[in-house]
Amino acid sequence: MIRLSVFYPTTEGATFDHDYYRNSHVPLCLRAWGLPSAEIDKGVDGPYVAAVHFKFDSPEALQAAMGSAGTGEVLGDVANYTTIAPVLQTSEIVE
């Protein structure tokens, strides 16, 4: 199992619309990549304003999702909720 985490670092003067992110952007990602769910974090304390975690069955499934036509729409939507440059982390889940 592979996890793609997208972190949004706390950045002075930056904006982040948590409602839009939760209600519009993350559902857009799920539709584009054919995923059933994601975990969304709203930062309370620490270096990140927000984060989201998507699970993929394999590295190949992640690669296929990133190469899909819907990924362009996902990337184009970022400006609708934040001015923060996201930081991506791909991890293997070892339970």
Protein backbone atom coordinates (compact mmCIF):
# COMPACT_ATOMS: atom_id res chain seq x y z
CA MET A 1 0.00 0.00 0.00
CA ILE A 2 1.29 3.46 -0.96
CA ARG A 3 0.34 6.73 0.71
CA LEU A 4 0.57 10.09 -1.03
CA SER A 5 0.58 12.87 1.55
CA VAL A 6 0.25 16.51 0.56
CA PHE A 7 1.36 18.99 3.21
CA TYR A 8 0.77 22.74 3.26
CA PRO A 9 3.46 24.46 5.34
CA THR A 10 2.53 27.40 7.52
CA THR A 11 3.63 30.40 5.48
CA GLU A 12 3.46 34.00 6.63
CA GLY A 13 0.90 35.99 4.67
CA ALA A 14 -0.46 32.90 2.89
CA THR A 15 -4.12 31.98 2.61
CA PHE A 16 -5.84 28.60 2.93
CA ASP A 17 -9.60 28.01 2.62
CA HIS A 18 -10.24 24.86 4.67
CA ASP A 19 -13.93 24.67 3.71
CA TYR A 20 -13.22 24.78 -0.02
CA TYR A 21 -10.43 22.26 0.44
CA ARG A 22 -12.64 19.79 2.32
CA ASN A 23 -15.82 20.28 0.30
CA SER A 24 -14.51 20.80 -3.23
CA HIS A 25 -10.82 20.10 -3.80
CA VAL A 26 -10.37 16.78 -2.03
CA PRO A 27 -13.59 15.35 -3.58
CA LEU A 28 -12.23 16.48 -6.97
CA CYS A 29 -9.05 14.49 -6.27
CA LEU A 30 -11.03 11.41 -5.27
CA ARG A 31 -13.11 11.52 -8.46
CA ALA A 32 -10.07 12.17 -10.67
CA TRP A 33 -8.09 9.30 -9.19
CA GLY A 34 -10.91 6.82 -8.54
CA LEU A 35 -10.32 6.67 -4.79
CA PRO A 36 -12.99 5.97 -2.17
CA SER A 37 -11.70 8.26 0.58
CA ALA A 38 -8.90 10.40 1.96
CA GLU A 39 -7.82 11.62 5.39
CA ILE A 40 -7.74 15.41 5.79
CA ASP A 41 -5.79 17.13 8.57
CA LYS A 42 -6.47 20.68 9.69
CA GLY A 43 -3.34 21.90 11.45
CA VAL A 44 -3.77 22.92 15.07
CA ASP A 45 -0.15 23.14 16.15
CA GLY A 46 2.99 22.44 14.18
CA PRO A 47 4.54 23.33 10.86
CA TYR A 48 1.53 22.62 8.60
CA VAL A 49 -1.76 24.47 8.03
CA ALA A 50 -3.28 21.36 6.46
CA ALA A 51 -2.51 17.97 4.96
CA VAL A 52 -4.29 15.23 3.07
CA HIS A 53 -3.42 11.55 2.75
CA PHE A 54 -4.47 9.35 -0.18
CA LYS A 55 -3.95 5.57 -0.29
CA PHE A 56 -3.12 3.68 -3.48
CA ASP A 57 -2.84 -0.09 -3.93
CA SER A 58 0.62 0.10 -5.51
CA PRO A 59 3.26 2.47 -6.86
CA GLU A 60 1.89 1.72 -10.32
CA ALA A 61 -1.63 2.77 -9.26
CA LEU A 62 -0.24 6.06 -7.92
CA GLN A 63 1.70 6.63 -11.13
CA ALA A 64 -1.40 5.92 -13.24
CA ALA A 65 -3.44 8.37 -11.16
CA MET A 66 -0.82 11.10 -11.51
CA GLY A 67 -0.75 10.55 -15.26
CA SER A 68 -4.52 10.64 -15.65
CA ALA A 69 -6.37 13.43 -17.44
CA GLY A 70 -8.03 14.51 -14.18
CA THR A 71 -4.73 15.42 -12.55
CA GLY A 72 -4.51 18.57 -14.66
CA GLU A 73 -7.85 19.72 -13.26
CA VAL A 74 -6.68 18.90 -9.72
CA LEU A 75 -3.53 20.99 -10.15
CA GLY A 76 -5.46 23.83 -11.72
CA ASP A 77 -7.82 23.94 -8.74
CA VAL A 78 -5.10 24.65 -6.15
CA ALA A 79 -5.30 28.42 -6.70
CA ASN A 80 -8.96 28.30 -5.62
CA TYR A 81 -8.08 27.50 -1.99
CA THR A 82 -4.47 28.44 -1.20
CA THR A 83 -1.41 30.48 -2.02
CA ILE A 84 0.83 27.90 -0.30
CA ALA A 85 3.11 25.67 -2.39
CA PRO A 86 2.33 22.09 -1.31
CA VAL A 87 4.98 19.58 -0.24
CA LEU A 88 4.41 15.98 -1.39
CA GLN A 89 5.54 12.83 0.40
CA THR A 90 5.13 9.33 -1.04
CA SER A 91 5.41 6.54 1.52
CA GLU A 92 5.07 2.81 1.72
CA ILE A 93 2.66 1.89 4.48
CA VAL A 94 4.24 -0.70 6.76
CA GLU A 95 1.73 -1.81 9.35
